[in-house]
Amino acid sequence: LRPKQREFVEHKVKLIRKKLYPTQRGAKAKNSKQTNGKTARQEMTPFELFCQTKKDKYPDLPEEDRLRKLQKKFNKLPEDKREIFEKLALVR
């Protein structure tokens, strides 16, 4: 074989060996990517999305009281705005 052909074949053999005998480092990298993807795909309710948009509202209140106030605001939203949050929740 010519030098270029030899390099090509050696490279292919190397790639196949990596697939047949994956190192532990490669397995850990794959697992970490999967867990990151799962956390990013967490389903959110329309109310949770609304709360994310209002993070700067009522920062001085305790979390429980803040959520109660935001829930009241969310319930008073016009139907068209509420529908936007519902559609966003379905997309995520």
PDB file of N, CA and C in Angstrom:
ATOM      1  N   LEU A   1       0.824  -1.197   0.000  1.00  0.00           N
ATOM      2  CA  LEU A   1       0.000   0.000   0.000  1.00  0.00           C
ATOM      3  C   LEU A   1       0.866   1.257   0.000  1.00  0.00           C
ATOM      4  N   ARG A   2       0.310   2.266  -0.573  1.00  0.00           N
ATOM      5  CA  ARG A   2       1.000   3.546  -0.582  1.00  0.00           C
ATOM      6  C   ARG A   2       0.839   4.210   0.790  1.00  0.00           C
ATOM      7  N   PRO A   3       1.698   5.191   1.078  1.00  0.00           N
ATOM      8  CA  PRO A   3       1.621   5.838   2.402  1.00  0.00           C
ATOM      9  C   PRO A   3       0.240   6.448   2.709  1.00  0.00           C
ATOM     10  N   LYS A   4      -0.374   7.082   1.742  1.00  0.00           N
ATOM     11  CA  LYS A   4      -1.691   7.688   1.957  1.00  0.00           C
ATOM     12  C   LYS A   4      -2.737   6.611   2.228  1.00  0.00           C
ATOM     13  N   GLN A   5      -2.672   5.518   1.478  1.00  0.00           N
ATOM     14  CA  GLN A   5      -3.621   4.424   1.674  1.00  0.00           C
ATOM     15  C   GLN A   5      -3.422   3.795   3.052  1.00  0.00           C
ATOM     16  N   ARG A   6      -2.176   3.644   3.437  1.00  0.00           N
ATOM     17  CA  ARG A   6      -1.847   3.053   4.737  1.00  0.00           C
ATOM     18  C   ARG A   6      -2.411   3.924   5.875  1.00  0.00           C
ATOM     19  N   GLU A   7      -2.237   5.243   5.753  1.00  0.00           N
ATOM     20  CA  GLU A   7      -2.773   6.165   6.762  1.00  0.00           C
ATOM     21  C   GLU A   7      -4.295   6.053   6.846  1.00  0.00           C
ATOM     22  N   PHE A   8      -4.927   5.965   5.692  1.00  0.00           N
ATOM     23  CA  PHE A   8      -6.380   5.864   5.651  1.00  0.00           C
ATOM     24  C   PHE A   8      -6.858   4.595   6.351  1.00  0.00           C
ATOM     25  N   VAL A   9      -6.245   3.473   6.044  1.00  0.00           N
ATOM     26  CA  VAL A   9      -6.633   2.193   6.640  1.00  0.00           C
ATOM     27  C   VAL A   9      -6.366   2.203   8.147  1.00  0.00           C
ATOM     28  N   GLU A  10      -5.219   2.723   8.556  1.00  0.00           N
ATOM     29  CA  GLU A  10      -4.903   2.783   9.985  1.00  0.00           C
ATOM     30  C   GLU A  10      -5.910   3.657  10.735  1.00  0.00           C
ATOM     31  N   HIS A  11      -6.306   4.739  10.109  1.00  0.00           N
ATOM     32  CA  HIS A  11      -7.293   5.619  10.733  1.00  0.00           C
ATOM     33  C   HIS A  11      -8.631   4.896  10.898  1.00  0.00           C
ATOM     34  N   LYS A  12      -9.062   4.179   9.874  1.00  0.00           N
ATOM     35  CA  LYS A  12     -10.325   3.432   9.941  1.00  0.00           C
ATOM     36  C   LYS A  12     -10.264   2.347  11.012  1.00  0.00           C
ATOM     37  N   VAL A  13      -9.139   1.659  11.097  1.00  0.00           N
ATOM     38  CA  VAL A  13      -8.969   0.616  12.115  1.00  0.00           C
ATOM     39  C   VAL A  13      -9.054   1.242  13.508  1.00  0.00           C
ATOM     40  N   LYS A  14      -8.442   2.391  13.668  1.00  0.00           N
ATOM     41  CA  LYS A  14      -8.460   3.088  14.952  1.00  0.00           C
ATOM     42  C   LYS A  14      -9.889   3.464  15.351  1.00  0.00           C
ATOM     43  N   LEU A  15     -10.668   3.964  14.396  1.00  0.00           N
ATOM     44  CA  LEU A  15     -12.056   4.333  14.675  1.00  0.00           C
ATOM     45  C   LEU A  15     -12.893   3.116  15.058  1.00  0.00           C
ATOM     46  N   ILE A  16     -12.687   2.014  14.370  1.00  0.00           N
ATOM     47  CA  ILE A  16     -13.442   0.794  14.668  1.00  0.00           C
ATOM     48  C   ILE A  16     -13.060   0.258  16.040  1.00  0.00           C
ATOM     49  N   ARG A  17     -11.790   0.331  16.393  1.00  0.00           N
ATOM     50  CA  ARG A  17     -11.357  -0.115  17.729  1.00  0.00           C
ATOM     51  C   ARG A  17     -12.011   0.723  18.824  1.00  0.00           C
ATOM     52  N   LYS A  18     -12.132   2.022  18.583  1.00  0.00           N
ATOM     53  CA  LYS A  18     -12.783   2.883  19.572  1.00  0.00           C
ATOM     54  C   LYS A  18     -14.235   2.474  19.772  1.00  0.00           C
ATOM     55  N   LYS A  19     -14.901   2.081  18.688  1.00  0.00           N
ATOM     56  CA  LYS A  19     -16.294   1.652  18.803  1.00  0.00           C
ATOM     57  C   LYS A  19     -16.406   0.307  19.502  1.00  0.00           C
ATOM     58  N   LEU A  20     -15.490  -0.608  19.189  1.00  0.00           N
ATOM     59  CA  LEU A  20     -15.542  -1.947  19.783  1.00  0.00           C
ATOM     60  C   LEU A  20     -15.110  -1.947  21.239  1.00  0.00           C
ATOM     61  N   TYR A  21     -14.102  -1.165  21.578  1.00  0.00           N
ATOM     62  CA  TYR A  21     -13.550  -1.143  22.931  1.00  0.00           C
ATOM     63  C   TYR A  21     -13.577   0.284  23.476  1.00  0.00           C
ATOM     64  N   PRO A  22     -14.755   0.772  23.827  1.00  0.00           N
ATOM     65  CA  PRO A  22     -14.809   2.151  24.336  1.00  0.00           C
ATOM     66  C   PRO A  22     -14.127   2.254  25.696  1.00  0.00           C
ATOM     67  N   THR A  23     -13.453   3.339  25.907  1.00  0.00           N
ATOM     68  CA  THR A  23     -12.786   3.557  27.190  1.00  0.00           C
ATOM     69  C   THR A  23     -13.814   4.033  28.201  1.00  0.00           C
ATOM     70  N   GLN A  24     -13.467   3.973  29.474  1.00  0.00           N
ATOM     71  CA  GLN A  24     -14.391   4.427  30.500  1.00  0.00           C
ATOM     72  C   GLN A  24     -14.604   5.930  30.409  1.00  0.00           C
ATOM     73  N   ARG A  25     -13.616   6.633  29.956  1.00  0.00           N
ATOM     74  CA  ARG A  25     -13.751   8.080  29.816  1.00  0.00           C
ATOM     75  C   ARG A  25     -14.850   8.405  28.807  1.00  0.00           C
ATOM     76  N   GLY A  26     -14.902   7.681  27.716  1.00  0.00           N
ATOM     77  CA  GLY A  26     -15.932   7.903  26.711  1.00  0.00           C
ATOM     78  C   GLY A  26     -17.314   7.578  27.240  1.00  0.00           C
ATOM     79  N   ALA A  27     -17.420   6.530  28.045  1.00  0.00           N
ATOM     80  CA  ALA A  27     -18.713   6.156  28.604  1.00  0.00           C
ATOM     81  C   ALA A  27     -19.203   7.219  29.575  1.00  0.00           C
ATOM     82  N   LYS A  28     -18.313   7.787  30.375  1.00  0.00           N
ATOM     83  CA  LYS A  28     -18.715   8.827  31.318  1.00  0.00           C
ATOM     84  C   LYS A  28     -19.184  10.070  30.577  1.00  0.00           C
ATOM     85  N   ALA A  29     -18.517  10.396  29.506  1.00  0.00           N
ATOM     86  CA  ALA A  29     -18.899  11.582  28.748  1.00  0.00           C
ATOM     87  C   ALA A  29     -20.297  11.408  28.166  1.00  0.00           C
ATOM     88  N   LYS A  30     -20.602  10.216  27.681  1.00  0.00           N
ATOM     89  CA  LYS A  30     -21.929   9.970  27.130  1.00  0.00           C
ATOM     90  C   LYS A  30     -22.986  10.071  28.221  1.00  0.00           C
ATOM     91  N   ASN A  31     -22.720   9.519  29.397  1.00  0.00           N
ATOM     92  CA  ASN A  31     -23.690   9.566  30.483  1.00  0.00           C
ATOM     93  C   ASN A  31     -23.954  10.992  30.937  1.00  0.00           C
ATOM     94  N   SER A  32     -22.921  11.795  31.018  1.00  0.00           N
ATOM     95  CA  SER A  32     -23.117  13.167  31.479  1.00  0.00           C
ATOM     96  C   SER A  32     -23.945  13.960  30.470  1.00  0.00           C
ATOM     97  N   LYS A  33     -23.770  13.695  29.204  1.00  0.00           N
ATOM     98  CA  LYS A  33     -24.563  14.389  28.199  1.00  0.00           C
ATOM     99  C   LYS A  33     -26.029  13.997  28.321  1.00  0.00           C
ATOM    100  N   GLN A  34     -26.306  12.736  28.596  1.00  0.00           N
ATOM    101  CA  GLN A  34     -27.684  12.282  28.706  1.00  0.00           C
ATOM    102  C   GLN A  34     -28.370  12.916  29.906  1.00  0.00           C
ATOM    103  N   THR A  35     -27.694  12.991  31.029  1.00  0.00           N
ATOM    104  CA  THR A  35     -28.326  13.576  32.203  1.00  0.00           C
ATOM    105  C   THR A  35     -28.578  15.061  31.993  1.00  0.00           C
ATOM    106  N   ASN A  36     -27.672  15.746  31.304  1.00  0.00           N
ATOM    107  CA  ASN A  36     -27.891  17.165  31.042  1.00  0.00           C
ATOM    108  C   ASN A  36     -29.105  17.368  30.148  1.00  0.00           C
ATOM    109  N   GLY A  37     -29.280  16.514  29.169  1.00  0.00           N
ATOM    110  CA  GLY A  37     -30.424  16.618  28.277  1.00  0.00           C
ATOM    111  C   GLY A  37     -31.733  16.384  28.999  1.00  0.00           C
ATOM    112  N   LYS A  38     -31.748  15.472  29.947  1.00  0.00           N
ATOM    113  CA  LYS A  38     -32.975  15.167  30.669  1.00  0.00           C
ATOM    114  C   LYS A  38     -33.387  16.326  31.558  1.00  0.00           C
ATOM    115  N   THR A  39     -32.451  16.974  32.191  1.00  0.00           N
ATOM    116  CA  THR A  39     -32.817  18.086  33.066  1.00  0.00           C
ATOM    117  C   THR A  39     -33.293  19.278  32.245  1.00  0.00           C
ATOM    118  N   ALA A  40     -32.765  19.465  31.061  1.00  0.00           N
ATOM    119  CA  ALA A  40     -33.177  20.577  30.237  1.00  0.00           C
ATOM    120  C   ALA A  40     -34.584  20.382  29.690  1.00  0.00           C
ATOM    121  N   ARG A  41     -35.036  19.174  29.575  1.00  0.00           N
ATOM    122  CA  ARG A  41     -36.345  18.875  29.014  1.00  0.00           C
ATOM    123  C   ARG A  41     -37.442  18.784  30.068  1.00  0.00           C
ATOM    124  N   GLN A  42     -37.171  19.281  31.232  1.00  0.00           N
ATOM    125  CA  GLN A  42     -38.141  19.220  32.305  1.00  0.00           C
ATOM    126  C   GLN A  42     -39.405  19.985  31.901  1.00  0.00           C
ATOM    127  N   GLU A  43     -40.567  19.334  32.059  1.00  0.00           N
ATOM    128  CA  GLU A  43     -41.818  19.969  31.687  1.00  0.00           C
ATOM    129  C   GLU A  43     -42.202  21.012  32.732  1.00  0.00           C
ATOM    130  N   MET A  44     -42.704  22.130  32.244  1.00  0.00           N
ATOM    131  CA  MET A  44     -43.097  23.209  33.141  1.00  0.00           C
ATOM    132  C   MET A  44     -44.568  23.528  32.917  1.00  0.00           C
ATOM    133  N   THR A  45     -45.218  23.934  33.975  1.00  0.00           N
ATOM    134  CA  THR A  45     -46.614  24.333  33.881  1.00  0.00           C
ATOM    135  C   THR A  45     -46.683  25.781  33.404  1.00  0.00           C
ATOM    136  N   PRO A  46     -47.844  26.192  32.905  1.00  0.00           N
ATOM    137  CA  PRO A  46     -47.977  27.596  32.500  1.00  0.00           C
ATOM    138  C   PRO A  46     -47.700  28.559  33.658  1.00  0.00           C
ATOM    139  N   PHE A  47     -48.116  28.178  34.865  1.00  0.00           N
ATOM    140  CA  PHE A  47     -47.876  29.041  36.025  1.00  0.00           C
ATOM    141  C   PHE A  47     -46.380  29.161  36.322  1.00  0.00           C
ATOM    142  N   GLU A  48     -45.625  28.072  36.198  1.00  0.00           N
ATOM    143  CA  GLU A  48     -44.177  28.123  36.436  1.00  0.00           C
ATOM    144  C   GLU A  48     -43.489  29.033  35.421  1.00  0.00           C
ATOM    145  N   LEU A  49     -43.943  28.985  34.175  1.00  0.00           N
ATOM    146  CA  LEU A  49     -43.386  29.884  33.160  1.00  0.00           C
ATOM    147  C   LEU A  49     -43.703  31.342  33.497  1.00  0.00           C
ATOM    148  N   PHE A  50     -44.918  31.569  33.965  1.00  0.00           N
ATOM    149  CA  PHE A  50     -45.314  32.915  34.382  1.00  0.00           C
ATOM    150  C   PHE A  50     -44.417  33.402  35.519  1.00  0.00           C
ATOM    151  N   CYS A  51     -44.146  32.531  36.475  1.00  0.00           N
ATOM    152  CA  CYS A  51     -43.285  32.891  37.612  1.00  0.00           C
ATOM    153  C   CYS A  51     -41.868  33.229  37.151  1.00  0.00           C
ATOM    154  N   GLN A  52     -41.392  32.527  36.149  1.00  0.00           N
ATOM    155  CA  GLN A  52     -40.054  32.822  35.633  1.00  0.00           C
ATOM    156  C   GLN A  52     -39.986  34.220  35.032  1.00  0.00           C
ATOM    157  N   THR A  53     -41.069  34.641  34.400  1.00  0.00           N
ATOM    158  CA  THR A  53     -41.063  35.976  33.800  1.00  0.00           C
ATOM    159  C   THR A  53     -41.189  37.070  34.851  1.00  0.00           C
ATOM    160  N   LYS A  54     -41.644  36.714  36.041  1.00  0.00           N
ATOM    161  CA  LYS A  54     -41.862  37.694  37.114  1.00  0.00           C
ATOM    162  C   LYS A  54     -40.889  37.504  38.274  1.00  0.00           C
ATOM    163  N   LYS A  55     -39.668  37.122  37.984  1.00  0.00           N
ATOM    164  CA  LYS A  55     -38.688  36.880  39.051  1.00  0.00           C
ATOM    165  C   LYS A  55     -38.376  38.131  39.865  1.00  0.00           C
ATOM    166  N   ASP A  56     -38.488  39.291  39.248  1.00  0.00           N
ATOM    167  CA  ASP A  56     -38.166  40.522  39.965  1.00  0.00           C
ATOM    168  C   ASP A  56     -39.339  41.057  40.794  1.00  0.00           C
ATOM    169  N   LYS A  57     -40.503  40.438  40.678  1.00  0.00           N
ATOM    170  CA  LYS A  57     -41.676  40.860  41.454  1.00  0.00           C
ATOM    171  C   LYS A  57     -41.604  40.312  42.871  1.00  0.00           C
ATOM    172  N   TYR A  58     -41.880  41.145  43.837  1.00  0.00           N
ATOM    173  CA  TYR A  58     -41.963  40.773  45.250  1.00  0.00           C
ATOM    174  C   TYR A  58     -40.713  40.048  45.768  1.00  0.00           C
ATOM    175  N   PRO A  59     -39.537  40.575  45.552  1.00  0.00           N
ATOM    176  CA  PRO A  59     -38.334  39.880  46.037  1.00  0.00           C
ATOM    177  C   PRO A  59     -38.200  39.899  47.563  1.00  0.00           C
ATOM    178  N   ASP A  60     -38.864  40.863  48.215  1.00  0.00           N
ATOM    179  CA  ASP A  60     -38.740  40.982  49.666  1.00  0.00           C
ATOM    180  C   ASP A  60     -39.653  40.012  50.423  1.00  0.00           C
ATOM    181  N   LEU A  61     -40.647  39.442  49.749  1.00  0.00           N
ATOM    182  CA  LEU A  61     -41.583  38.524  50.409  1.00  0.00           C
ATOM    183  C   LEU A  61     -40.996  37.123  50.527  1.00  0.00           C
ATOM    184  N   PRO A  62     -41.452  36.362  51.515  1.00  0.00           N
ATOM    185  CA  PRO A  62     -41.064  34.945  51.576  1.00  0.00           C
ATOM    186  C   PRO A  62     -41.604  34.210  50.345  1.00  0.00           C
ATOM    187  N   GLU A  63     -40.962  33.136  49.979  1.00  0.00           N
ATOM    188  CA  GLU A  63     -41.300  32.417  48.750  1.00  0.00           C
ATOM    189  C   GLU A  63     -42.775  32.002  48.711  1.00  0.00           C
ATOM    190  N   GLU A  64     -43.285  31.548  49.831  1.00  0.00           N
ATOM    191  CA  GLU A  64     -44.669  31.078  49.882  1.00  0.00           C
ATOM    192  C   GLU A  64     -45.657  32.212  49.581  1.00  0.00           C
ATOM    193  N   ASP A  65     -45.454  33.363  50.206  1.00  0.00           N
ATOM    194  CA  ASP A  65     -46.330  34.516  49.975  1.00  0.00           C
ATOM    195  C   ASP A  65     -46.184  35.039  48.551  1.00  0.00           C
ATOM    196  N   ARG A  66     -44.973  35.036  48.069  1.00  0.00           N
ATOM    197  CA  ARG A  66     -44.707  35.489  46.700  1.00  0.00           C
ATOM    198  C   ARG A  66     -45.461  34.624  45.694  1.00  0.00           C
ATOM    199  N   LEU A  67     -45.400  33.308  45.880  1.00  0.00           N
ATOM    200  CA  LEU A  67     -46.102  32.402  44.970  1.00  0.00           C
ATOM    201  C   LEU A  67     -47.613  32.597  45.051  1.00  0.00           C
ATOM    202  N   ARG A  68     -48.110  32.851  46.239  1.00  0.00           N
ATOM    203  CA  ARG A  68     -49.548  33.067  46.412  1.00  0.00           C
ATOM    204  C   ARG A  68     -49.993  34.312  45.634  1.00  0.00           C
ATOM    205  N   LYS A  69     -49.210  35.389  45.736  1.00  0.00           N
ATOM    206  CA  LYS A  69     -49.545  36.622  45.011  1.00  0.00           C
ATOM    207  C   LYS A  69     -49.457  36.415  43.500  1.00  0.00           C
ATOM    208  N   LEU A  70     -48.412  35.715  43.078  1.00  0.00           N
ATOM    209  CA  LEU A  70     -48.267  35.462  41.641  1.00  0.00           C
ATOM    210  C   LEU A  70     -49.398  34.581  41.121  1.00  0.00           C
ATOM    211  N   GLN A  71     -49.866  33.653  41.940  1.00  0.00           N
ATOM    212  CA  GLN A  71     -50.981  32.794  41.533  1.00  0.00           C
ATOM    213  C   GLN A  71     -52.241  33.640  41.320  1.00  0.00           C
ATOM    214  N   LYS A  72     -52.473  34.601  42.204  1.00  0.00           N
ATOM    215  CA  LYS A  72     -53.626  35.494  42.042  1.00  0.00           C
ATOM    216  C   LYS A  72     -53.509  36.290  40.744  1.00  0.00           C
ATOM    217  N   LYS A  73     -52.301  36.815  40.489  1.00  0.00           N
ATOM    218  CA  LYS A  73     -52.077  37.578  39.254  1.00  0.00           C
ATOM    219  C   LYS A  73     -52.300  36.699  38.026  1.00  0.00           C
ATOM    220  N   PHE A  74     -51.814  35.464  38.106  1.00  0.00           N
ATOM    221  CA  PHE A  74     -51.957  34.543  36.978  1.00  0.00           C
ATOM    222  C   PHE A  74     -53.432  34.236  36.727  1.00  0.00           C
ATOM    223  N   ASN A  75     -54.197  34.050  37.787  1.00  0.00           N
ATOM    224  CA  ASN A  75     -55.623  33.749  37.640  1.00  0.00           C
ATOM    225  C   ASN A  75     -56.391  34.926  37.048  1.00  0.00           C
ATOM    226  N   LYS A  76     -55.903  36.147  37.237  1.00  0.00           N
ATOM    227  CA  LYS A  76     -56.576  37.337  36.720  1.00  0.00           C
ATOM    228  C   LYS A  76     -56.142  37.702  35.299  1.00  0.00           C
ATOM    229  N   LEU A  77     -55.200  36.952  34.746  1.00  0.00           N
ATOM    230  CA  LEU A  77     -54.720  37.253  33.393  1.00  0.00           C
ATOM    231  C   LEU A  77     -55.851  37.124  32.378  1.00  0.00           C
ATOM    232  N   PRO A  78     -55.848  37.984  31.357  1.00  0.00           N
ATOM    233  CA  PRO A  78     -56.823  37.819  30.273  1.00  0.00           C
ATOM    234  C   PRO A  78     -56.587  36.478  29.561  1.00  0.00           C
ATOM    235  N   GLU A  79     -57.627  35.982  28.956  1.00  0.00           N
ATOM    236  CA  GLU A  79     -57.576  34.656  28.332  1.00  0.00           C
ATOM    237  C   GLU A  79     -56.480  34.560  27.267  1.00  0.00           C
ATOM    238  N   ASP A  80     -56.288  35.602  26.481  1.00  0.00           N
ATOM    239  CA  ASP A  80     -55.285  35.539  25.418  1.00  0.00           C
ATOM    240  C   ASP A  80     -53.861  35.427  25.972  1.00  0.00           C
ATOM    241  N   LYS A  81     -53.573  36.149  27.055  1.00  0.00           N
ATOM    242  CA  LYS A  81     -52.231  36.065  27.650  1.00  0.00           C
ATOM    243  C   LYS A  81     -52.013  34.721  28.337  1.00  0.00           C
ATOM    244  N   ARG A  82     -53.044  34.231  28.967  1.00  0.00           N
ATOM    245  CA  ARG A  82     -52.943  32.930  29.631  1.00  0.00           C
ATOM    246  C   ARG A  82     -52.713  31.826  28.589  1.00  0.00           C
ATOM    247  N   GLU A  83     -53.364  31.967  27.455  1.00  0.00           N
ATOM    248  CA  GLU A  83     -53.215  30.987  26.378  1.00  0.00           C
ATOM    249  C   GLU A  83     -51.770  30.946  25.873  1.00  0.00           C
ATOM    250  N   ILE A  84     -51.105  32.078  25.854  1.00  0.00           N
ATOM    251  CA  ILE A  84     -49.700  32.132  25.431  1.00  0.00           C
ATOM    252  C   ILE A  84     -48.844  31.265  26.345  1.00  0.00           C
ATOM    253  N   PHE A  85     -49.035  31.402  27.659  1.00  0.00           N
ATOM    254  CA  PHE A  85     -48.258  30.598  28.605  1.00  0.00           C
ATOM    255  C   PHE A  85     -48.585  29.112  28.463  1.00  0.00           C
ATOM    256  N   GLU A  86     -49.839  28.791  28.183  1.00  0.00           N
ATOM    257  CA  GLU A  86     -50.220  27.387  28.009  1.00  0.00           C
ATOM    258  C   GLU A  86     -49.557  26.786  26.777  1.00  0.00           C
ATOM    259  N   LYS A  87     -49.504  27.558  25.700  1.00  0.00           N
ATOM    260  CA  LYS A  87     -48.856  27.065  24.479  1.00  0.00           C
ATOM    261  C   LYS A  87     -47.352  26.902  24.684  1.00  0.00           C
ATOM    262  N   LEU A  88     -46.741  27.842  25.400  1.00  0.00           N
ATOM    263  CA  LEU A  88     -45.308  27.721  25.687  1.00  0.00           C
ATOM    264  C   LEU A  88     -45.018  26.478  26.520  1.00  0.00           C
ATOM    265  N   ALA A  89     -45.899  26.177  27.458  1.00  0.00           N
ATOM    266  CA  ALA A  89     -45.704  24.995  28.301  1.00  0.00           C
ATOM    267  C   ALA A  89     -45.801  23.722  27.471  1.00  0.00           C
ATOM    268  N   LEU A  90     -46.664  23.711  26.469  1.00  0.00           N
ATOM    269  CA  LEU A  90     -46.792  22.532  25.611  1.00  0.00           C
ATOM    270  C   LEU A  90     -45.563  22.340  24.736  1.00  0.00           C
ATOM    271  N   VAL A  91     -44.987  23.441  24.284  1.00  0.00           N
ATOM    272  CA  VAL A  91     -43.811  23.372  23.411  1.00  0.00           C
ATOM    273  C   VAL A  91     -42.617  22.830  24.170  1.00  0.00           C
ATOM    274  N   ARG A  92     -42.437  23.245  25.405  1.00  0.00           N
ATOM    275  CA  ARG A  92     -41.305  22.794  26.212  1.00  0.00           C
ATOM    276  C   ARG A  92     -41.588  21.418  26.628  1.00  0.00           C
TER     277      ARG A  92
END
